[in-house]
Amino acid sequence: MKKIAPPGRNFFICIIYLSLLLGITPSLYALDYAIGADVSFLKQAEEGGFIFKDGEDSKAGLQIFKDHGYNWIRLRLFHTPTRLPNDLPYTIALAQAAKQLGFKFLLNYHYSDTWADPGKQFIPKAWEGKTHDQLVEAVYQYTRDTIKAFVDADVLPDMVQIGNEIINGMLWPDGKLPENWDNLAELIQAGINGMDAGRGNNPRPLIMIHIDKGGNMEATKYFFDNWHSYGIDYDVIGQSFYPWWHGSLLDLRENLIFMANAYHKDIIVVEVAYNCEPAEYRDKPAPFPETPEGQRQFLEEVHRLILNTPDNRGKGVFWWEPATRRGGYRTMFDRDGRAMPVIQVFDRYTRH
């Protein structure tokens, strides 16, 4: 792995001066506490006839989240999906609906035609066979053009996530870790550069780097120590935390403290969820009951730990896919569409 020596002060002065000349201004977005939800399937659910309810009142799904203090949404974007709805027009339309209600918007680039996660990072079909340099250019152009499309639709994201759960890299095999750190760094830098080119003179979205090791301090240190050796600027550490995969609440607490003290970056637990009925803990003790009430208790505890992150570095939490027509164990709505107790966790913090 290539290690880059720390640049000198004059280098940074030159970079700042060059950035001003090129119009690459620092982000103007202040990061308030994000009460968020990844609602990437919500539009599909409503178009399929699923009706969301708060009590007995039928409402637009986004409105229910707004009524309970949510202020951010997260939307994933696939390159050319064939079975999933999350293409560019769909994502823009959902972002527009959310922006009209006053939500801030985190855009999650998967750089794939389908799910990208620690176990798979498929290159989009349109990019298959490209060399590394060609992939770097493809990432740059694709990010530039899609960000410009959001700008043209008046929904520039407030934050952009370059890759999804990239603990093992992205765009495999070219950017796969641990063997291709240099390639991964160039691919992510290309995404950041494309974002800057696409936004034009608009404020710079915050940049998130997202891994899936919320309760694993050792793996987090391995990734970010290596990542920081490349000197690529970003704003927010994103972590996933599902306790059956990622450790205990004490593990999460220790890692939040470690990240805040070691890296001096804002931190968001950008994927979290818990089951409303038995699923992951059928054969072992659970930290909370896998019930609607257990969901609420779990989110309250995660939120409390984030609020207590040192130096106010804990900046929010996003529930993963709470509103889908498929229902499932981790939804916030029962099979009749009624919101469950977990939707109320933030009421006490946001109502006055």
Protein backbone atom coordinates (compact mmCIF):
# COMPACT_ATOMS: atom_id res chain seq x y z
CA MET A 1 0.00 0.00 0.00
CA LYS A 2 1.33 3.40 -0.93
CA LYS A 3 1.87 5.79 1.98
CA ILE A 4 1.95 9.46 1.15
CA ALA A 5 4.14 11.67 3.33
CA PRO A 6 2.32 14.55 5.03
CA PRO A 7 2.49 17.63 2.80
CA GLY A 8 4.09 20.81 4.03
CA ARG A 9 2.39 24.08 4.95
CA ASN A 10 3.21 25.71 1.61
CA PHE A 11 1.48 22.86 -0.18
CA PHE A 12 -1.73 23.50 1.73
CA ILE A 13 -1.52 27.24 1.01
CA CYS A 14 -1.19 26.47 -2.71
CA ILE A 15 -4.12 24.05 -2.62
CA ILE A 16 -6.37 26.59 -0.85
CA TYR A 17 -5.41 29.30 -3.33
CA LEU A 18 -5.99 26.98 -6.28
CA SER A 19 -9.34 25.90 -4.85
CA LEU A 20 -10.48 29.50 -4.60
CA LEU A 21 -9.43 30.15 -8.19
CA LEU A 22 -11.36 27.09 -9.36
CA GLY A 23 -14.41 27.86 -7.27
CA ILE A 24 -13.98 24.74 -5.08
CA THR A 25 -15.33 26.34 -1.92
CA PRO A 26 -15.73 24.61 1.43
CA SER A 27 -19.17 23.26 2.24
CA LEU A 28 -21.65 25.89 3.37
CA TYR A 29 -23.93 23.29 4.94
CA ALA A 30 -23.88 23.21 8.73
CA LEU A 31 -24.44 19.72 10.06
CA ASP A 32 -27.33 19.86 12.49
CA TYR A 33 -28.38 16.70 14.33
CA ALA A 34 -29.77 14.39 11.67
CA ILE A 35 -32.92 12.51 12.60
CA GLY A 36 -33.03 10.47 9.44
CA ALA A 37 -34.51 7.58 7.54
CA ASP A 38 -33.48 5.78 4.37
CA VAL A 39 -36.79 5.90 2.54
CA SER A 40 -35.56 4.69 -0.85
CA PHE A 41 -38.53 2.32 -1.28
CA LEU A 42 -41.25 4.68 0.03
CA LYS A 43 -42.31 6.07 -3.34
CA GLN A 44 -42.54 2.56 -4.80
CA ALA A 45 -44.69 1.47 -1.86
CA GLU A 46 -47.14 4.33 -2.25
CA GLU A 47 -47.32 3.94 -6.02
CA GLY A 48 -48.10 0.25 -5.41
CA GLY A 49 -51.10 1.20 -3.28
CA PHE A 50 -49.64 0.85 0.21
CA ILE A 51 -51.24 3.37 2.57
CA PHE A 52 -49.25 4.68 5.52
CA LYS A 53 -51.13 5.60 8.68
CA ASP A 54 -50.33 7.50 11.86
CA GLY A 55 -52.88 6.13 14.29
CA GLU A 56 -56.06 5.90 12.25
CA ASP A 57 -55.13 8.81 9.97
CA SER A 58 -53.89 8.00 6.48
CA LYS A 59 -51.06 10.31 5.44
CA ALA A 60 -48.24 10.55 2.95
CA GLY A 61 -45.34 8.54 4.34
CA LEU A 62 -42.95 11.49 4.27
CA GLN A 63 -45.46 13.60 6.19
CA ILE A 64 -45.61 11.04 8.99
CA PHE A 65 -41.85 11.17 9.40
CA LYS A 66 -41.95 14.97 9.34
CA ASP A 67 -44.67 14.99 12.03
CA HIS A 68 -42.40 12.96 14.30
CA GLY A 69 -39.35 15.19 14.06
CA TYR A 70 -37.44 13.62 11.19
CA ASN A 71 -35.39 16.20 9.31
CA TRP A 72 -33.23 14.15 6.89
CA ILE A 73 -33.85 11.47 4.29
CA ARG A 74 -31.32 9.18 2.68
CA LEU A 75 -31.81 7.89 -0.87
CA ARG A 76 -29.65 5.36 -2.69
CA LEU A 77 -28.86 5.64 -6.37
CA PHE A 78 -28.07 2.69 -8.63
CA HIS A 79 -26.47 3.17 -12.04
CA THR A 80 -28.84 1.12 -14.25
CA PRO A 81 -31.07 -1.02 -12.03
CA THR A 82 -33.11 -3.75 -13.70
CA ARG A 83 -35.21 -5.00 -10.77
CA LEU A 84 -35.12 -2.16 -8.26
CA PRO A 85 -36.69 1.29 -8.66
CA ASN A 86 -33.76 3.42 -7.54
CA ASP A 87 -32.64 4.97 -10.81
CA LEU A 88 -32.01 8.68 -11.39
CA PRO A 89 -35.56 9.86 -12.31
CA TYR A 90 -37.12 7.93 -9.41
CA THR A 91 -34.58 9.31 -6.93
CA ILE A 92 -34.98 12.88 -8.15
CA ALA A 93 -38.77 12.67 -7.82
CA LEU A 94 -38.55 11.36 -4.25
CA ALA A 95 -35.97 14.01 -3.35
CA GLN A 96 -38.26 16.72 -4.70
CA ALA A 97 -41.17 15.48 -2.57
CA ALA A 98 -38.94 15.47 0.51
CA LYS A 99 -37.44 18.88 -0.15
CA GLN A 100 -40.93 20.36 -0.45
CA LEU A 101 -41.54 19.26 3.13
CA GLY A 102 -38.27 20.78 4.33
CA PHE A 103 -36.15 17.63 4.62
CA LYS A 104 -32.42 17.67 4.07
CA PHE A 105 -31.16 15.03 1.66
CA LEU A 106 -28.29 12.54 1.79
CA LEU A 107 -27.54 10.92 -1.57
CA ASN A 108 -26.05 7.42 -1.36
CA TYR A 109 -24.05 6.40 -4.43
CA HIS A 110 -23.71 2.61 -4.75
CA TYR A 111 -21.75 2.79 -8.04
CA SER A 112 -23.47 -0.42 -9.08
CA ASP A 113 -26.64 -1.59 -10.80
CA THR A 114 -27.71 -3.35 -7.60
CA TRP A 115 -26.88 -3.61 -3.90
CA ALA A 116 -23.30 -2.77 -2.96
CA ASP A 117 -22.18 -3.87 0.51
CA PRO A 118 -19.21 -5.56 2.23
CA GLY A 119 -19.93 -8.87 0.52
CA LYS A 120 -20.41 -7.57 -3.03
CA GLN A 121 -19.46 -4.49 -5.00
CA PHE A 122 -20.46 -5.24 -8.59
CA ILE A 123 -19.23 -2.94 -11.35
CA PRO A 124 -22.13 -1.49 -13.37
CA LYS A 125 -22.69 -3.46 -16.56
CA ALA A 126 -21.98 -0.32 -18.58
CA TRP A 127 -18.48 -0.16 -17.07
CA GLU A 128 -17.46 -3.79 -17.40
CA GLY A 129 -14.12 -4.33 -19.13
CA LYS A 130 -12.77 -0.85 -18.39
CA THR A 131 -9.20 -0.30 -17.20
CA HIS A 132 -8.58 1.39 -13.87
CA ASP A 133 -8.00 4.76 -15.53
CA GLN A 134 -11.20 4.35 -17.53
CA LEU A 135 -13.12 3.47 -14.35
CA VAL A 136 -11.77 6.58 -12.65
CA GLU A 137 -13.02 8.67 -15.56
CA ALA A 138 -16.38 6.86 -15.56
CA VAL A 139 -16.88 7.54 -11.85
CA TYR A 140 -16.01 11.19 -12.39
CA GLN A 141 -18.34 11.67 -15.36
CA TYR A 142 -21.24 9.72 -13.85
CA THR A 143 -21.05 11.59 -10.54
CA ARG A 144 -20.72 14.93 -12.33
CA ASP A 145 -23.68 14.29 -14.61
CA THR A 146 -26.00 12.92 -11.94
CA ILE A 147 -25.22 15.74 -9.49
CA LYS A 148 -25.92 18.21 -12.29
CA ALA A 149 -29.28 16.50 -12.85
CA PHE A 150 -30.13 17.03 -9.17
CA VAL A 151 -29.06 20.67 -9.47
CA ASP A 152 -31.24 21.14 -12.55
CA ALA A 153 -34.17 19.64 -10.61
CA ASP A 154 -33.48 22.05 -7.71
CA VAL A 155 -32.66 19.22 -5.28
CA LEU A 156 -28.90 19.38 -4.81
CA PRO A 157 -28.10 16.94 -1.98
CA ASP A 158 -27.02 18.39 1.34
CA MET A 159 -24.65 15.45 1.78
CA VAL A 160 -23.19 12.91 -0.63
CA GLN A 161 -22.03 9.42 0.27
CA ILE A 162 -19.26 8.20 -2.04
CA GLY A 163 -19.85 4.44 -2.05
CA ASN A 164 -21.86 2.22 0.29
CA GLU A 165 -20.32 0.22 3.15
CA ILE A 166 -16.87 0.29 1.56
CA ILE A 167 -14.93 -1.51 4.31
CA ASN A 168 -13.80 -3.94 1.57
CA GLY A 169 -13.56 -1.31 -1.16
CA MET A 170 -15.85 -0.77 -4.14
CA LEU A 171 -16.05 -1.48 -7.88
CA TRP A 172 -14.52 -4.93 -7.50
CA PRO A 173 -11.99 -6.15 -8.43
CA ASP A 174 -10.41 -2.82 -9.33
CA GLY A 175 -11.06 -1.11 -6.01
CA LYS A 176 -11.16 -4.20 -3.79
CA LEU A 177 -9.42 -4.12 -0.41
CA PRO A 178 -6.96 -4.84 1.01
CA GLU A 179 -4.98 -5.31 -2.19
CA ASN A 180 -6.03 -2.15 -4.06
CA TRP A 181 -5.95 0.79 -1.65
CA ASP A 182 -4.38 3.09 -4.23
CA ASN A 183 -7.12 2.32 -6.73
CA LEU A 184 -9.86 2.85 -4.16
CA ALA A 185 -8.44 6.23 -3.18
CA GLU A 186 -8.39 7.35 -6.82
CA LEU A 187 -11.95 6.12 -7.40
CA ILE A 188 -13.31 7.97 -4.38
CA GLN A 189 -11.38 11.11 -5.27
CA ALA A 190 -12.92 10.89 -8.75
CA GLY A 191 -16.38 10.77 -7.17
CA ILE A 192 -15.61 13.83 -5.04
CA ASN A 193 -14.22 15.69 -8.05
CA GLY A 194 -17.29 14.76 -10.08
CA MET A 195 -19.55 16.06 -7.32
CA ASP A 196 -17.68 19.36 -7.32
CA ALA A 197 -17.88 19.64 -11.11
CA GLY A 198 -21.59 18.82 -11.17
CA ARG A 199 -22.65 21.25 -8.46
CA GLY A 200 -21.30 24.26 -10.33
CA ASN A 201 -21.39 27.39 -8.17
CA ASN A 202 -23.81 25.89 -5.67
CA PRO A 203 -22.74 25.20 -2.07
CA ARG A 204 -20.65 22.09 -1.68
CA PRO A 205 -22.51 19.13 -0.17
CA LEU A 206 -20.94 17.47 2.82
CA ILE A 207 -18.99 14.31 1.94
CA MET A 208 -19.53 11.06 3.85
CA ILE A 209 -17.27 7.99 3.88
CA HIS A 210 -19.37 4.99 4.97
CA ILE A 211 -18.31 1.63 6.41
CA ASP A 212 -20.26 -1.03 8.30
CA LYS A 213 -18.28 -1.42 11.52
CA GLY A 214 -20.29 0.54 14.09
CA GLY A 215 -19.38 -1.84 16.91
CA ASN A 216 -15.90 -2.82 15.73
CA MET A 217 -13.19 -0.38 16.82
CA GLU A 218 -10.32 -2.49 15.45
CA ALA A 219 -11.77 -2.71 11.92
CA THR A 220 -12.71 0.97 12.00
CA LYS A 221 -9.16 1.93 12.95
CA TYR A 222 -7.70 -0.27 10.21
CA PHE A 223 -9.87 1.34 7.55
CA PHE A 224 -9.61 5.00 8.54
CA ASP A 225 -5.91 4.92 9.43
CA ASN A 226 -5.25 3.66 5.91
CA TRP A 227 -7.80 6.00 4.36
CA HIS A 228 -6.38 9.08 6.06
CA SER A 229 -2.90 8.30 4.76
CA TYR A 230 -4.10 9.49 1.35
CA GLY A 231 -5.04 12.97 2.57
CA ILE A 232 -8.39 13.10 0.77
CA ASP A 233 -10.75 15.60 2.36
CA TYR A 234 -14.16 14.57 3.64
CA ASP A 235 -16.57 15.71 6.34
CA VAL A 236 -18.47 12.86 7.97
CA ILE A 237 -17.79 9.28 9.06
CA GLY A 238 -20.81 7.08 8.35
CA GLN A 239 -21.27 3.78 10.18
CA SER A 240 -23.78 0.96 9.96
CA PHE A 241 -24.85 -0.67 13.21
CA TYR A 242 -27.03 -3.77 13.29
CA PRO A 243 -26.29 -5.46 16.64
CA TRP A 244 -26.60 -9.05 15.39
CA TRP A 245 -23.78 -8.32 12.95
CA HIS A 246 -21.85 -5.42 14.44
CA GLY A 247 -21.59 -5.91 18.19
CA SER A 248 -23.15 -4.74 21.43
CA LEU A 249 -24.25 -1.27 22.48
CA LEU A 250 -21.08 -1.04 24.57
CA ASP A 251 -19.07 -1.87 21.44
CA LEU A 252 -20.84 0.98 19.64
CA ARG A 253 -20.15 3.33 22.55
CA GLU A 254 -16.43 2.49 22.58
CA ASN A 255 -16.16 2.98 18.84
CA LEU A 256 -17.97 6.34 18.92
CA ILE A 257 -15.52 7.53 21.57
CA PHE A 258 -12.56 6.20 19.61
CA MET A 259 -13.61 7.79 16.30
CA ALA A 260 -14.31 11.17 17.88
CA ASN A 261 -10.95 11.27 19.65
CA ALA A 262 -8.86 9.76 16.85
CA TYR A 263 -10.22 11.43 13.73
CA HIS A 264 -11.96 14.65 14.83
CA LYS A 265 -14.74 14.12 12.30
CA ASP A 266 -18.48 14.30 12.71
CA ILE A 267 -20.06 10.84 12.94
CA ILE A 268 -23.47 9.59 11.82
CA VAL A 269 -24.82 6.10 12.41
CA VAL A 270 -26.25 6.15 8.93
CA GLU A 271 -27.79 2.67 8.95
CA VAL A 272 -29.50 1.20 11.98
CA ALA A 273 -32.55 -1.01 12.46
CA TYR A 274 -34.09 -3.56 14.78
CA ASN A 275 -36.74 -6.19 14.27
CA CYS A 276 -40.39 -5.83 15.23
CA GLU A 277 -40.86 -9.60 15.46
CA PRO A 278 -38.46 -12.53 16.03
CA ALA A 279 -35.88 -12.85 13.28
CA GLU A 280 -32.22 -12.54 14.29
CA TYR A 281 -32.52 -13.73 17.88
CA ARG A 282 -34.54 -16.91 17.65
CA ASP A 283 -31.68 -19.05 18.99
CA LYS A 284 -29.76 -16.62 21.22
CA PRO A 285 -30.58 -13.94 23.80
CA ALA A 286 -31.52 -10.54 22.39
CA PRO A 287 -30.47 -7.14 23.76
CA PHE A 288 -34.11 -6.07 23.42
CA PRO A 289 -37.29 -7.98 22.66
CA GLU A 290 -37.85 -8.33 18.92
CA THR A 291 -41.19 -6.57 19.19
CA PRO A 292 -42.54 -3.13 18.25
CA GLU A 293 -41.73 -1.93 21.78
CA GLY A 294 -38.26 -3.48 21.59
CA GLN A 295 -37.60 -1.51 18.41
CA ARG A 296 -38.41 1.70 20.26
CA GLN A 297 -36.15 0.82 23.18
CA PHE A 298 -33.28 -0.04 20.84
CA LEU A 299 -33.46 3.24 18.91
CA GLU A 300 -33.69 5.24 22.14
CA GLU A 301 -30.48 3.64 23.39
CA VAL A 302 -28.59 4.13 20.12
CA HIS A 303 -29.71 7.76 20.00
CA ARG A 304 -28.59 8.30 23.63
CA LEU A 305 -25.13 6.92 22.88
CA ILE A 306 -24.74 9.14 19.82
CA LEU A 307 -25.76 12.22 21.80
CA ASN A 308 -23.00 11.42 24.32
CA THR A 309 -20.21 11.14 21.74
CA PRO A 310 -17.21 13.26 22.84
CA ASP A 311 -16.84 16.82 21.56
CA ASN A 312 -20.39 16.77 20.15
CA ARG A 313 -19.15 14.64 17.24
CA GLY A 314 -22.24 12.41 17.19
CA LYS A 315 -24.40 14.06 14.56
CA GLY A 316 -27.32 11.76 13.93
CA VAL A 317 -28.90 8.42 13.13
CA PHE A 318 -30.74 7.03 10.09
CA TRP A 319 -33.15 4.07 10.27
CA TRP A 320 -32.72 1.79 7.29
CA GLU A 321 -35.83 1.21 5.14
CA PRO A 322 -38.66 1.89 7.59
CA ALA A 323 -41.27 2.38 4.86
CA THR A 324 -41.60 -0.33 2.23
CA ARG A 325 -44.51 -2.17 0.68
CA ARG A 326 -42.75 -5.42 1.46
CA GLY A 327 -43.16 -4.91 5.17
CA GLY A 328 -40.55 -7.11 6.77
CA TYR A 329 -39.03 -7.33 10.20
CA ARG A 330 -37.29 -3.92 10.33
CA THR A 331 -40.07 -1.67 9.12
CA MET A 332 -41.62 1.08 11.25
CA PHE A 333 -45.11 0.26 9.95
CA ASP A 334 -47.17 -2.85 10.55
CA ARG A 335 -48.78 -4.87 7.77
CA ASP A 336 -51.86 -2.62 7.88
CA GLY A 337 -49.68 0.44 7.37
CA ARG A 338 -49.94 1.79 10.92
CA ALA A 339 -46.87 3.41 12.42
CA MET A 340 -45.41 1.46 15.34
CA PRO A 341 -44.02 2.92 18.60
CA VAL A 342 -40.49 3.39 17.21
CA ILE A 343 -41.74 6.33 15.10
CA GLN A 344 -42.25 8.32 18.33
CA VAL A 345 -38.69 8.17 19.68
CA PHE A 346 -37.80 11.72 18.68
CA ASP A 347 -41.10 13.39 19.60
CA ARG A 348 -39.77 14.51 22.99
CA TYR A 349 -36.71 16.07 21.38
CA THR A 350 -38.42 17.97 18.59
CA ARG A 351 -41.81 19.10 19.90
CA HIS A 352 -42.23 22.31 21.84
